[in-house]
C-alpha atoms as a PDB file:
ATOM      1  CA  UNK A   1      70.575 142.561  93.563  1.00  0.00           C
ATOM      2  CA  UNK A   2      66.852 142.024  94.515  1.00  0.00           C
ATOM      3  CA  UNK A   3      65.655 138.948  95.896  1.00  0.00           C
ATOM      4  CA  UNK A   4      62.187 137.525  95.056  1.00  0.00           C
ATOM      5  CA  UNK A   5      60.007 137.013  97.940  1.00  0.00           C
ATOM      6  CA  UNK A   6      57.961 133.927  97.021  1.00  0.00           C
ATOM      7  CA  UNK A   7      57.911 131.723  94.021  1.00  0.00           C
ATOM      8  CA  UNK A   8      56.936 132.912  90.552  1.00  0.00           C
ATOM      9  CA  UNK A   9      53.106 132.900  90.143  1.00  0.00           C
ATOM     10  CA  UNK A  10      52.954 130.005  87.565  1.00  0.00           C
ATOM     11  CA  UNK A  11      55.418 127.520  89.708  1.00  0.00           C
ATOM     12  CA  UNK A  12      53.668 124.960  91.468  1.00  0.00           C
ATOM     13  CA  UNK A  13      54.401 125.629  95.217  1.00  0.00           C
ATOM     14  CA  UNK A  14      55.068 123.754  97.723  1.00  0.00           C
ATOM     15  CA  UNK A  15      56.729 121.075  96.302  1.00  0.00           C
ATOM     16  CA  UNK A  16      55.292 117.330  96.135  1.00  0.00           C
ATOM     17  CA  UNK A  17      56.728 115.255  99.227  1.00  0.00           C
ATOM     18  CA  UNK A  18      57.044 111.826  99.728  1.00  0.00           C
ATOM     19  CA  UNK A  19      55.301 109.292 102.352  1.00  0.00           C
ATOM     20  CA  UNK A  20      57.666 106.774 104.219  1.00  0.00           C
ATOM     21  CA  UNK A  21      56.488 103.272 103.435  1.00  0.00           C
ATOM     22  CA  UNK A  22      58.189 100.222 104.606  1.00  0.00           C
ATOM     23  CA  UNK A  23      57.732  98.287 101.590  1.00  0.00           C
ATOM     24  CA  UNK A  24      58.787  99.193  98.021  1.00  0.00           C
ATOM     25  CA  UNK A  25      55.680 100.031  95.626  1.00  0.00           C
ATOM     26  CA  UNK A  26      55.717  97.618  92.668  1.00  0.00           C
ATOM     27  CA  UNK A  27      54.135  97.291  89.345  1.00  0.00           C
ATOM     28  CA  UNK A  28      54.336  99.001  86.013  1.00  0.00           C
ATOM     29  CA  UNK A  29      53.124 102.310  87.288  1.00  0.00           C
ATOM     30  CA  UNK A  30      55.999 102.993  89.391  1.00  0.00           C
ATOM     31  CA  UNK A  31      59.533 104.581  88.580  1.00  0.00           C
ATOM     32  CA  UNK A  32      62.305 104.620  91.246  1.00  0.00           C
ATOM     33  CA  UNK A  33      65.255 107.030  92.077  1.00  0.00           C
ATOM     34  CA  UNK A  34      68.228 107.458  94.563  1.00  0.00           C
ATOM     35  CA  UNK A  35      66.794 109.537  97.500  1.00  0.00           C
ATOM     36  CA  UNK A  36      69.467 112.219  97.280  1.00  0.00           C
ATOM     37  CA  UNK A  37      70.392 113.184 100.761  1.00  0.00           C
ATOM     38  CA  UNK A  38      70.575 117.040 100.673  1.00  0.00           C
ATOM     39  CA  UNK A  39      68.534 120.194 100.467  1.00  0.00           C
ATOM     40  CA  UNK A  40      65.569 119.962  98.209  1.00  0.00           C
ATOM     41  CA  UNK A  41      65.130 123.158  96.044  1.00  0.00           C
ATOM     42  CA  UNK A  42      63.051 124.299  93.311  1.00  0.00           C
ATOM     43  CA  UNK A  43      65.044 126.361  90.895  1.00  0.00           C
ATOM     44  CA  UNK A  44      63.166 128.860  88.625  1.00  0.00           C
ATOM     45  CA  UNK A  45      62.946 131.922  86.935  1.00  0.00           C
ATOM     46  CA  UNK A  46      59.545 133.095  86.693  1.00  0.00           C
ATOM     47  CA  UNK A  47      59.572 136.194  88.429  1.00  0.00           C
ATOM     48  CA  UNK A  48      62.206 137.641  86.303  1.00  0.00           C
ATOM     49  CA  UNK A  49      64.880 136.526  88.072  1.00  0.00           C
ATOM     50  CA  UNK A  50      66.805 133.273  89.167  1.00  0.00           C
ATOM     51  CA  UNK A  51      65.794 131.769  92.472  1.00  0.00           C
ATOM     52  CA  UNK A  52      66.241 128.704  94.495  1.00  0.00           C
ATOM     53  CA  UNK A  53      63.642 127.892  97.326  1.00  0.00           C
ATOM     54  CA  UNK A  54      63.487 125.615  99.829  1.00  0.00           C
ATOM     55  CA  UNK A  55      60.689 123.392 100.678  1.00  0.00           C
ATOM     56  CA  UNK A  56      59.381 125.825 103.168  1.00  0.00           C
ATOM     57  CA  UNK A  57      59.620 128.843 100.688  1.00  0.00           C
ATOM     58  CA  UNK A  58      62.783 129.993 102.104  1.00  0.00           C
ATOM     59  CA  UNK A  59      65.411 131.486  99.488  1.00  0.00           C
ATOM     60  CA  UNK A  60      68.477 129.170  98.977  1.00  0.00           C
ATOM     61  CA  UNK A  61      71.116 130.996  96.684  1.00  0.00           C
ATOM     62  CA  UNK A  62      72.303 133.184  99.306  1.00  0.00           C
ATOM     63  CA  UNK A  63      73.774 129.982 100.618  1.00  0.00           C
ATOM     64  CA  UNK A  64      74.792 128.410  97.516  1.00  0.00           C
ATOM     65  CA  UNK A  65      76.303 131.066  95.155  1.00  0.00           C
ATOM     66  CA  UNK A  66      77.738 128.823  92.756  1.00  0.00           C
ATOM     67  CA  UNK A  67      74.488 127.589  91.854  1.00  0.00           C
ATOM     68  CA  UNK A  68      73.851 131.278  90.217  1.00  0.00           C
ATOM     69  CA  UNK A  69      75.549 129.879  86.652  1.00  0.00           C
ATOM     70  CA  UNK A  70      72.700 127.539  86.288  1.00  0.00           C
ATOM     71  CA  UNK A  71      70.842 130.452  85.276  1.00  0.00           C
ATOM     72  CA  UNK A  72      72.058 130.693  82.195  1.00  0.00           C
ATOM     73  CA  UNK A  73      70.757 127.127  81.084  1.00  0.00           C
ATOM     74  CA  UNK A  74      67.249 127.888  82.444  1.00  0.00           C
ATOM     75  CA  UNK A  75      64.997 130.246  79.866  1.00  0.00           C
ATOM     76  CA  UNK A  76      62.463 132.659  81.257  1.00  0.00           C
ATOM     77  CA  UNK A  77      59.425 130.997  82.637  1.00  0.00           C
ATOM     78  CA  UNK A  78      60.957 127.713  83.357  1.00  0.00           C
ATOM     79  CA  UNK A  79      61.186 125.673  87.109  1.00  0.00           C
ATOM     80  CA  UNK A  80      62.629 122.335  87.991  1.00  0.00           C
ATOM     81  CA  UNK A  81      62.468 120.411  91.217  1.00  0.00           C
ATOM     82  CA  UNK A  82      65.695 118.947  92.540  1.00  0.00           C
ATOM     83  CA  UNK A  83      68.460 118.454  95.161  1.00  0.00           C
ATOM     84  CA  UNK A  84      71.287 120.354  96.233  1.00  0.00           C
ATOM     85  CA  UNK A  85      74.010 118.260  97.301  1.00  0.00           C
ATOM     86  CA  UNK A  86      77.757 118.322  98.195  1.00  0.00           C
ATOM     87  CA  UNK A  87      80.215 115.488  97.140  1.00  0.00           C
ATOM     88  CA  UNK A  88      83.473 114.655  98.754  1.00  0.00           C
ATOM     89  CA  UNK A  89      85.225 111.601  97.611  1.00  0.00           C
ATOM     90  CA  UNK A  90      82.654 109.726  95.817  1.00  0.00           C
ATOM     91  CA  UNK A  91      80.134 110.354  98.998  1.00  0.00           C
ATOM     92  CA  UNK A  92      77.606 112.836  99.758  1.00  0.00           C
ATOM     93  CA  UNK A  93      78.649 115.007 102.521  1.00  0.00           C
ATOM     94  CA  UNK A  94      75.586 116.409 104.608  1.00  0.00           C
ATOM     95  CA  UNK A  95      77.519 117.880 107.182  1.00  0.00           C
ATOM     96  CA  UNK A  96      79.397 120.205 104.328  1.00  0.00           C
ATOM     97  CA  UNK A  97      75.566 121.351 103.641  1.00  0.00           C
ATOM     98  CA  UNK A  98      75.139 122.402 107.055  1.00  0.00           C
ATOM     99  CA  UNK A  99      77.941 124.360 107.173  1.00  0.00           C
ATOM    100  CA  UNK A 100      76.620 126.582 104.338  1.00  0.00           C
ATOM    101  CA  UNK A 101      73.897 127.980 106.706  1.00  0.00           C
ATOM    102  CA  UNK A 102      75.886 130.807 107.890  1.00  0.00           C
ATOM    103  CA  UNK A 103      74.942 134.360 108.239  1.00  0.00           C
ATOM    104  CA  UNK A 104      78.470 135.362 107.175  1.00  0.00           C
ATOM    105  CA  UNK A 105      78.820 135.950 103.283  1.00  0.00           C
ATOM    106  CA  UNK A 106      82.510 135.596 103.417  1.00  0.00           C
ATOM    107  CA  UNK A 107      82.439 132.042 104.818  1.00  0.00           C
ATOM    108  CA  UNK A 108      79.856 131.253 102.362  1.00  0.00           C
ATOM    109  CA  UNK A 109      82.037 132.096  99.290  1.00  0.00           C
ATOM    110  CA  UNK A 110      85.260 130.412 100.714  1.00  0.00           C
ATOM    111  CA  UNK A 111      82.972 126.968 101.567  1.00  0.00           C
ATOM    112  CA  UNK A 112      81.530 127.327  97.623  1.00  0.00           C
ATOM    113  CA  UNK A 113      84.835 127.464  96.362  1.00  0.00           C
ATOM    114  CA  UNK A 114      86.162 124.613  98.762  1.00  0.00           C
ATOM    115  CA  UNK A 115      83.193 122.304  98.455  1.00  0.00           C
ATOM    116  CA  UNK A 116      80.789 123.581  95.502  1.00  0.00           C
ATOM    117  CA  UNK A 117      77.658 122.184  95.469  1.00  0.00           C
ATOM    118  CA  UNK A 118      75.471 120.216  92.708  1.00  0.00           C
ATOM    119  CA  UNK A 119      71.952 120.598  91.739  1.00  0.00           C
ATOM    120  CA  UNK A 120      70.592 117.770  90.747  1.00  0.00           C
ATOM    121  CA  UNK A 121      67.158 117.924  88.943  1.00  0.00           C
ATOM    122  CA  UNK A 122      64.781 115.483  88.937  1.00  0.00           C
ATOM    123  CA  UNK A 123      61.621 116.967  87.821  1.00  0.00           C
ATOM    124  CA  UNK A 124      60.425 119.818  85.133  1.00  0.00           C
ATOM    125  CA  UNK A 125      57.447 122.089  86.561  1.00  0.00           C
ATOM    126  CA  UNK A 126      57.542 124.728  84.071  1.00  0.00           C
ATOM    127  CA  UNK A 127      59.401 125.561  80.976  1.00  0.00           C
ATOM    128  CA  UNK A 128      59.308 128.296  78.830  1.00  0.00           C
ATOM    129  CA  UNK A 129      55.619 129.166  80.703  1.00  0.00           C
ATOM    130  CA  UNK A 130      54.185 125.782  79.477  1.00  0.00           C
ATOM    131  CA  UNK A 131      53.020 124.080  82.643  1.00  0.00           C
ATOM    132  CA  UNK A 132      54.735 120.712  82.097  1.00  0.00           C
ATOM    133  CA  UNK A 133      53.564 119.685  85.774  1.00  0.00           C
ATOM    134  CA  UNK A 134      50.109 119.231  84.820  1.00  0.00           C
ATOM    135  CA  UNK A 135      51.201 116.042  82.543  1.00  0.00           C
ATOM    136  CA  UNK A 136      52.033 112.774  83.952  1.00  0.00           C
ATOM    137  CA  UNK A 137      55.498 112.017  85.563  1.00  0.00           C
ATOM    138  CA  UNK A 138      56.218 109.877  82.484  1.00  0.00           C
ATOM    139  CA  UNK A 139      55.599 112.562  79.825  1.00  0.00           C
ATOM    140  CA  UNK A 140      57.650 115.166  82.606  1.00  0.00           C
ATOM    141  CA  UNK A 141      60.760 112.915  82.312  1.00  0.00           C
ATOM    142  CA  UNK A 142      60.979 112.887  78.989  1.00  0.00           C
ATOM    143  CA  UNK A 143      60.530 116.248  78.653  1.00  0.00           C
ATOM    144  CA  UNK A 144      63.278 116.839  81.308  1.00  0.00           C
ATOM    145  CA  UNK A 145      65.707 114.965  79.193  1.00  0.00           C
ATOM    146  CA  UNK A 146      64.756 116.681  76.376  1.00  0.00           C
ATOM    147  CA  UNK A 147      65.427 120.402  77.339  1.00  0.00           C
ATOM    148  CA  UNK A 148      67.591 120.542  80.548  1.00  0.00           C
ATOM    149  CA  UNK A 149      70.442 120.349  78.712  1.00  0.00           C
ATOM    150  CA  UNK A 150      73.905 121.316  80.909  1.00  0.00           C
ATOM    151  CA  UNK A 151      71.709 120.063  84.213  1.00  0.00           C
ATOM    152  CA  UNK A 152      72.701 117.289  86.257  1.00  0.00           C
ATOM    153  CA  UNK A 153      70.026 114.953  86.313  1.00  0.00           C
ATOM    154  CA  UNK A 154      68.851 112.017  88.610  1.00  0.00           C
ATOM    155  CA  UNK A 155      69.116 108.497  87.429  1.00  0.00           C
ATOM    156  CA  UNK A 156      65.891 106.476  87.326  1.00  0.00           C
ATOM    157  CA  UNK A 157      64.998 103.069  86.866  1.00  0.00           C
ATOM    158  CA  UNK A 158      61.574 100.991  86.394  1.00  0.00           C
ATOM    159  CA  UNK A 159      63.812  97.769  87.088  1.00  0.00           C
ATOM    160  CA  UNK A 160      62.739  96.479  90.963  1.00  0.00           C
ATOM    161  CA  UNK A 161      65.815  94.273  91.068  1.00  0.00           C
ATOM    162  CA  UNK A 162      67.971  97.670  90.523  1.00  0.00           C
ATOM    163  CA  UNK A 163      65.942  99.669  92.991  1.00  0.00           C
ATOM    164  CA  UNK A 164      66.361  96.990  95.676  1.00  0.00           C
ATOM    165  CA  UNK A 165      69.992  96.552  94.832  1.00  0.00           C
ATOM    166  CA  UNK A 166      69.850 100.828  95.490  1.00  0.00           C
ATOM    167  CA  UNK A 167      68.025 100.273  98.705  1.00  0.00           C
ATOM    168  CA  UNK A 168      70.219  97.886 100.124  1.00  0.00           C
ATOM    169  CA  UNK A 169      73.821  99.389  99.272  1.00  0.00           C
ATOM    170  CA  UNK A 170      73.482 103.205  98.342  1.00  0.00           C
ATOM    171  CA  UNK A 171      74.556 103.628 102.136  1.00  0.00           C
ATOM    172  CA  UNK A 172      77.990 103.201 101.008  1.00  0.00           C
ATOM    173  CA  UNK A 173      77.872 106.605  99.552  1.00  0.00           C
ATOM    174  CA  UNK A 174      75.907 108.414 101.766  1.00  0.00           C
ATOM    175  CA  UNK A 175      72.498 108.032 100.525  1.00  0.00           C
ATOM    176  CA  UNK A 176      69.701 106.331 102.858  1.00  0.00           C
ATOM    177  CA  UNK A 177      67.053 105.136 100.968  1.00  0.00           C
ATOM    178  CA  UNK A 178      65.096 105.335  97.248  1.00  0.00           C
ATOM    179  CA  UNK A 179      62.008 107.099  96.131  1.00  0.00           C
ATOM    180  CA  UNK A 180      59.320 105.526  94.110  1.00  0.00           C
ATOM    181  CA  UNK A 181      56.916 107.584  91.876  1.00  0.00           C
ATOM    182  CA  UNK A 182      53.531 106.727  90.082  1.00  0.00           C
ATOM    183  CA  UNK A 183      54.171 107.653  86.380  1.00  0.00           C
ATOM    184  CA  UNK A 184      50.850 108.254  85.733  1.00  0.00           C
ATOM    185  CA  UNK A 185      50.204 111.019  87.809  1.00  0.00           C
ATOM    186  CA  UNK A 186      50.500 114.611  87.453  1.00  0.00           C
ATOM    187  CA  UNK A 187      52.389 116.852  89.770  1.00  0.00           C
ATOM    188  CA  UNK A 188      50.807 117.333  93.025  1.00  0.00           C
ATOM    189  CA  UNK A 189      52.285 120.361  95.418  1.00  0.00           C
ATOM    190  CA  UNK A 190      52.411 119.761  98.901  1.00  0.00           C
ATOM    191  CA  UNK A 191      50.938 116.161  98.379  1.00  0.00           C
ATOM    192  CA  UNK A 192      52.214 112.818  99.488  1.00  0.00           C
ATOM    193  CA  UNK A 193      49.900 111.056  97.558  1.00  0.00           C
ATOM    194  CA  UNK A 194      52.229 109.636  94.635  1.00  0.00           C
ATOM    195  CA  UNK A 195      55.389 109.669  95.889  1.00  0.00           C
ATOM    196  CA  UNK A 196      56.781 106.896  98.338  1.00  0.00           C
ATOM    197  CA  UNK A 197      60.213 106.886 100.154  1.00  0.00           C
ATOM    198  CA  UNK A 198      61.725 103.918 101.470  1.00  0.00           C
ATOM    199  CA  UNK A 199      64.657 103.600 103.809  1.00  0.00           C
ATOM    200  CA  UNK A 200      66.540 100.646 104.800  1.00  0.00           C
ATOM    201  CA  UNK A 201      66.729 100.676 108.481  1.00  0.00           C
ATOM    202  CA  UNK A 202      69.871  99.040 110.363  1.00  0.00           C
ATOM    203  CA  UNK A 203      70.319  98.209 113.838  1.00  0.00           C
ATOM    204  CA  UNK A 204      73.049  98.175 116.185  1.00  0.00           C
ATOM    205  CA  UNK A 205      74.123  97.373 119.743  1.00  0.00           C
ATOM    206  CA  UNK A 206      74.795 100.557 121.944  1.00  0.00           C
ATOM    207  CA  UNK A 207      75.737 101.299 125.551  1.00  0.00           C
ATOM    208  CA  UNK A 208      73.819 103.520 127.296  1.00  0.00           C
ATOM    209  CA  UNK A 209      76.274 106.537 128.409  1.00  0.00           C
ATOM    210  CA  UNK A 210      73.836 108.465 129.850  1.00  0.00           C
ATOM    211  CA  UNK A 211      70.412 110.076 129.954  1.00  0.00           C
ATOM    212  CA  UNK A 212      68.427 113.334 129.625  1.00  0.00           C
ATOM    213  CA  UNK A 213      65.424 114.281 132.000  1.00  0.00           C
ATOM    214  CA  UNK A 214      62.493 116.815 131.578  1.00  0.00           C
ATOM    215  CA  UNK A 215      61.181 117.277 134.784  1.00  0.00           C
ATOM    216  CA  UNK A 216      60.886 113.793 136.499  1.00  0.00           C
ATOM    217  CA  UNK A 217      60.401 111.984 133.271  1.00  0.00           C
ATOM    218  CA  UNK A 218      63.616 110.411 131.540  1.00  0.00           C
ATOM    219  CA  UNK A 219      63.220 112.270 127.901  1.00  0.00           C
ATOM    220  CA  UNK A 220      66.318 110.548 125.866  1.00  0.00           C
ATOM    221  CA  UNK A 221      68.724 107.821 126.137  1.00  0.00           C
ATOM    222  CA  UNK A 222      72.195 108.501 125.499  1.00  0.00           C
ATOM    223  CA  UNK A 223      74.167 106.243 123.559  1.00  0.00           C
ATOM    224  CA  UNK A 224      77.696 105.225 122.900  1.00  0.00           C
ATOM    225  CA  UNK A 225      79.924 103.075 120.977  1.00  0.00           C
ATOM    226  CA  UNK A 226      83.744 102.052 121.680  1.00  0.00           C
ATOM    227  CA  UNK A 227      86.834 102.589 119.488  1.00  0.00           C
ATOM    228  CA  UNK A 228      89.434 100.098 118.703  1.00  0.00           C
ATOM    229  CA  UNK A 229      91.627 101.827 121.384  1.00  0.00           C
ATOM    230  CA  UNK A 230      89.030 101.115 124.071  1.00  0.00           C
ATOM    231  CA  UNK A 231      87.615 104.858 124.284  1.00  0.00           C
ATOM    232  CA  UNK A 232      83.822 105.511 124.254  1.00  0.00           C
ATOM    233  CA  UNK A 233      82.255 108.127 121.914  1.00  0.00           C
ATOM    234  CA  UNK A 234      78.976 109.669 122.325  1.00  0.00           C
ATOM    235  CA  UNK A 235      77.073 108.754 119.064  1.00  0.00           C
ATOM    236  CA  UNK A 236      73.622 109.824 119.687  1.00  0.00           C
ATOM    237  CA  UNK A 237      70.292 109.443 121.484  1.00  0.00           C
ATOM    238  CA  UNK A 238      67.012 107.599 121.184  1.00  0.00           C
ATOM    239  CA  UNK A 239      63.610 109.475 122.449  1.00  0.00           C
ATOM    240  CA  UNK A 240      60.180 108.844 122.743  1.00  0.00           C
ATOM    241  CA  UNK A 241      60.143 106.857 125.932  1.00  0.00           C
ATOM    242  CA  UNK A 242      56.897 106.155 127.475  1.00  0.00           C
ATOM    243  CA  UNK A 243      54.824 103.393 129.152  1.00  0.00           C
ATOM    244  CA  UNK A 244      56.609 100.300 130.671  1.00  0.00           C
ATOM    245  CA  UNK A 245      59.927 101.603 129.398  1.00  0.00           C
ATOM    246  CA  UNK A 246      59.955 104.706 131.011  1.00  0.00           C
ATOM    247  CA  UNK A 247      59.027 102.851 134.214  1.00  0.00           C
ATOM    248  CA  UNK A 248      61.820 100.362 133.923  1.00  0.00           C
ATOM    249  CA  UNK A 249      64.120 102.897 133.011  1.00  0.00           C
ATOM    250  CA  UNK A 250      63.375 104.969 136.013  1.00  0.00           C
ATOM    251  CA  UNK A 251      64.323 102.010 137.848  1.00  0.00           C
ATOM    252  CA  UNK A 252      67.495 101.279 136.016  1.00  0.00           C
ATOM    253  CA  UNK A 253      69.249 104.498 135.383  1.00  0.00           C
ATOM    254  CA  UNK A 254      69.244 106.568 138.276  1.00  0.00           C
ATOM    255  CA  UNK A 255      71.532 103.871 140.364  1.00  0.00           C
ATOM    256  CA  UNK A 256      74.052 103.947 137.448  1.00  0.00           C
ATOM    257  CA  UNK A 257      74.539 107.475 137.924  1.00  0.00           C
ATOM    258  CA  UNK A 258      78.366 108.339 138.192  1.00  0.00           C
ATOM    259  CA  UNK A 259      79.512 112.115 136.979  1.00  0.00           C
ATOM    260  CA  UNK A 260      83.075 111.644 135.118  1.00  0.00           C
ATOM    261  CA  UNK A 261      82.323 107.812 134.821  1.00  0.00           C
ATOM    262  CA  UNK A 262      82.909 107.965 130.831  1.00  0.00           C
ATOM    263  CA  UNK A 263      86.019 109.899 130.129  1.00  0.00           C
ATOM    264  CA  UNK A 264      84.813 111.589 127.321  1.00  0.00           C
ATOM    265  CA  UNK A 265      87.214 113.733 125.445  1.00  0.00           C
ATOM    266  CA  UNK A 266      85.599 116.810 123.732  1.00  0.00           C
ATOM    267  CA  UNK A 267      88.695 118.059 122.559  1.00  0.00           C
ATOM    268  CA  UNK A 268      89.210 115.155 120.091  1.00  0.00           C
ATOM    269  CA  UNK A 269      86.050 114.510 118.193  1.00  0.00           C
ATOM    270  CA  UNK A 270      83.527 116.639 120.234  1.00  0.00           C
ATOM    271  CA  UNK A 271      81.211 113.617 120.345  1.00  0.00           C
ATOM    272  CA  UNK A 272      79.890 114.693 124.085  1.00  0.00           C
ATOM    273  CA  UNK A 273      76.065 115.347 124.447  1.00  0.00           C
ATOM    274  CA  UNK A 274      76.800 119.008 125.227  1.00  0.00           C
ATOM    275  CA  UNK A 275      79.379 119.723 122.558  1.00  0.00           C
ATOM    276  CA  UNK A 276      77.933 117.155 119.955  1.00  0.00           C
ATOM    277  CA  UNK A 277      75.804 117.300 116.985  1.00  0.00           C
ATOM    278  CA  UNK A 278      74.024 120.022 115.468  1.00  0.00           C
ATOM    279  CA  UNK A 279      71.142 117.215 115.223  1.00  0.00           C
ATOM    280  CA  UNK A 280      71.080 116.688 118.966  1.00  0.00           C
ATOM    281  CA  UNK A 281      67.740 116.738 120.530  1.00  0.00           C
ATOM    282  CA  UNK A 282      66.890 118.252 123.948  1.00  0.00           C
ATOM    283  CA  UNK A 283      70.232 119.971 124.217  1.00  0.00           C
ATOM    284  CA  UNK A 284      68.774 122.563 126.604  1.00  0.00           C
ATOM    285  CA  UNK A 285      67.923 119.121 129.000  1.00  0.00           C
ATOM    286  CA  UNK A 286      70.130 118.163 131.702  1.00  0.00           C
ATOM    287  CA  UNK A 287      71.971 115.296 130.899  1.00  0.00           C
ATOM    288  CA  UNK A 288      73.462 112.471 133.658  1.00  0.00           C
ATOM    289  CA  UNK A 289      76.614 110.228 132.935  1.00  0.00           C
ATOM    290  CA  UNK A 290      75.764 106.525 133.836  1.00  0.00           C
ATOM    291  CA  UNK A 291      78.750 103.542 134.298  1.00  0.00           C
ATOM    292  CA  UNK A 292      78.546 101.996 130.848  1.00  0.00           C
ATOM    293  CA  UNK A 293      76.935  98.799 131.879  1.00  0.00           C
ATOM    294  CA  UNK A 294      73.815  98.511 130.130  1.00  0.00           C
ATOM    295  CA  UNK A 295      73.490  97.372 126.485  1.00  0.00           C
ATOM    296  CA  UNK A 296      70.423  98.379 124.315  1.00  0.00           C
ATOM    297  CA  UNK A 297      69.569  97.528 120.521  1.00  0.00           C
ATOM    298  CA  UNK A 298      68.164 100.187 118.215  1.00  0.00           C
ATOM    299  CA  UNK A 299      66.987 100.845 114.864  1.00  0.00           C
ATOM    300  CA  UNK A 300      68.361 103.895 112.997  1.00  0.00           C
ATOM    301  CA  UNK A 301      68.074 105.415 109.615  1.00  0.00           C
ATOM    302  CA  UNK A 302      71.579 106.817 108.873  1.00  0.00           C
ATOM    303  CA  UNK A 303      74.954 107.350 110.372  1.00  0.00           C
ATOM    304  CA  UNK A 304      76.526 110.680 109.333  1.00  0.00           C
ATOM    305  CA  UNK A 305      80.049 111.664 110.006  1.00  0.00           C
ATOM    306  CA  UNK A 306      80.418 109.412 112.965  1.00  0.00           C
ATOM    307  CA  UNK A 307      77.137 109.857 114.925  1.00  0.00           C
ATOM    308  CA  UNK A 308      73.511 108.763 114.033  1.00  0.00           C
ATOM    309  CA  UNK A 309      71.552 111.637 112.388  1.00  0.00           C
ATOM    310  CA  UNK A 310      67.820 110.906 112.903  1.00  0.00           C
ATOM    311  CA  UNK A 311      65.409 108.000 113.209  1.00  0.00           C
ATOM    312  CA  UNK A 312      66.660 106.325 115.958  1.00  0.00           C
ATOM    313  CA  UNK A 313      64.440 104.037 118.000  1.00  0.00           C
ATOM    314  CA  UNK A 314      64.672 102.076 120.848  1.00  0.00           C
ATOM    315  CA  UNK A 315      64.172  98.343 120.418  1.00  0.00           C
ATOM    316  CA  UNK A 316      65.287  96.002 123.285  1.00  0.00           C
ATOM    317  CA  UNK A 317      67.714  95.680 126.137  1.00  0.00           C
ATOM    318  CA  UNK A 318      70.455  93.555 125.535  1.00  0.00           C
ATOM    319  CA  UNK A 319      71.538  91.667 128.688  1.00  0.00           C
ATOM    320  CA  UNK A 320      73.501  89.131 126.384  1.00  0.00           C
ATOM    321  CA  UNK A 321      75.691  91.649 125.597  1.00  0.00           C
ATOM    322  CA  UNK A 322      78.950  92.748 126.861  1.00  0.00           C
ATOM    323  CA  UNK A 323      79.218  96.592 126.823  1.00  0.00           C
ATOM    324  CA  UNK A 324      82.718  96.254 125.000  1.00  0.00           C
ATOM    325  CA  UNK A 325      81.503  94.472 122.187  1.00  0.00           C
ATOM    326  CA  UNK A 326      79.418  97.493 121.306  1.00  0.00           C
ATOM    327  CA  UNK A 327      81.942  98.823 118.418  1.00  0.00           C
ATOM    328  CA  UNK A 328      81.993 101.140 115.205  1.00  0.00           C
ATOM    329  CA  UNK A 329      82.393  98.097 113.152  1.00  0.00           C
ATOM    330  CA  UNK A 330      78.736  97.208 113.375  1.00  0.00           C
ATOM    331  CA  UNK A 331      77.812 100.486 112.014  1.00  0.00           C
ATOM    332  CA  UNK A 332      80.788 101.181 108.953  1.00  0.00           C
ATOM    333  CA  UNK A 333      79.712 100.051 105.835  1.00  0.00           C
ATOM    334  CA  UNK A 334      81.948  98.024 103.838  1.00  0.00           C
ATOM    335  CA  UNK A 335      82.114  98.268 100.161  1.00  0.00           C
ATOM    336  CA  UNK A 336      81.522  95.242  98.107  1.00  0.00           C
ATOM    337  CA  UNK A 337      82.030  94.453  94.493  1.00  0.00           C
ATOM    338  CA  UNK A 338      79.134  96.016  92.423  1.00  0.00           C
ATOM    339  CA  UNK A 339      78.169  98.505  94.756  1.00  0.00           C
ATOM    340  CA  UNK A 340      76.634 101.902  93.196  1.00  0.00           C
ATOM    341  CA  UNK A 341      78.836 104.650  92.242  1.00  0.00           C
ATOM    342  CA  UNK A 342      77.675 108.394  92.814  1.00  0.00           C
ATOM    343  CA  UNK A 343      78.789 109.259  89.240  1.00  0.00           C
ATOM    344  CA  UNK A 344      76.908 106.263  87.670  1.00  0.00           C
ATOM    345  CA  UNK A 345      73.417 107.635  89.290  1.00  0.00           C
ATOM    346  CA  UNK A 346      73.669 111.311  87.466  1.00  0.00           C
ATOM    347  CA  UNK A 347      73.245 112.284  83.933  1.00  0.00           C
ATOM    348  CA  UNK A 348      74.748 115.548  82.759  1.00  0.00           C
END
């Protein structure tokens, strides 16, 4: 089966992007929806064959063969914008998404059967040759609901209290924010002008368990949290160390170096800096264990599969905090009555 080399000639590409902002845009011109945590995908058949493109133009159907069945629902010269996600037990699983990016077709097909992906459509770009992307979003949404029969669609709202509730509580089902879109705007390929993303930043106290070096500079701090049984897990890193903080760390950290001080057990969870997350930064840089005596407060966007995935920022030292107080309880979301339910955020 031939694979198209680029999106169809009538498909607006690359997809429009979202600008990260601190506050939720408000007013009658804004629509809100969950920020789906998966792989962005433009699904189209404008080239005479079904294709699914990543935001940077890479073909994705090879990694998600179960989504080929959607070709029966998509007429010729049509295109949708959406997100590929994998759900497990009512929550999104980004780790399972990452596992699909593998060269072995046999492994991909096995995973497709074990953990099938879902394509969530949130915009219609082209339909039977009609350039719907030239219409404002309010009309595109109406068109999407009208024509995308059989597709899973993202729920939207114009109700600000609902959007705020989503922002505060979507973490419990694996999402990390909301998207705000101008309903009076046409689709703008590659632009961040009319779409905003808002994330609910969280903070926690971590033990500094080590650091990476780049030449004579400290490139990143390695962070740890304690389990209930007293063992310490590597959970991620913070980077972007410069200025006064760099000088302070140069004085504080080297005297605490002690190889083997932490007792990491890679055989259990793989939570060591050199056997850890596929999102680890600078894994080729040397790292040094230190005695777990320093505590710092960090800001982060999301915890995924018991590690900090991205967006980690050093805020301050916490000399008033005992390292043993830096436990997993800080970062594990606790379900509450009235929390969003994944199935209720989708329309079929």
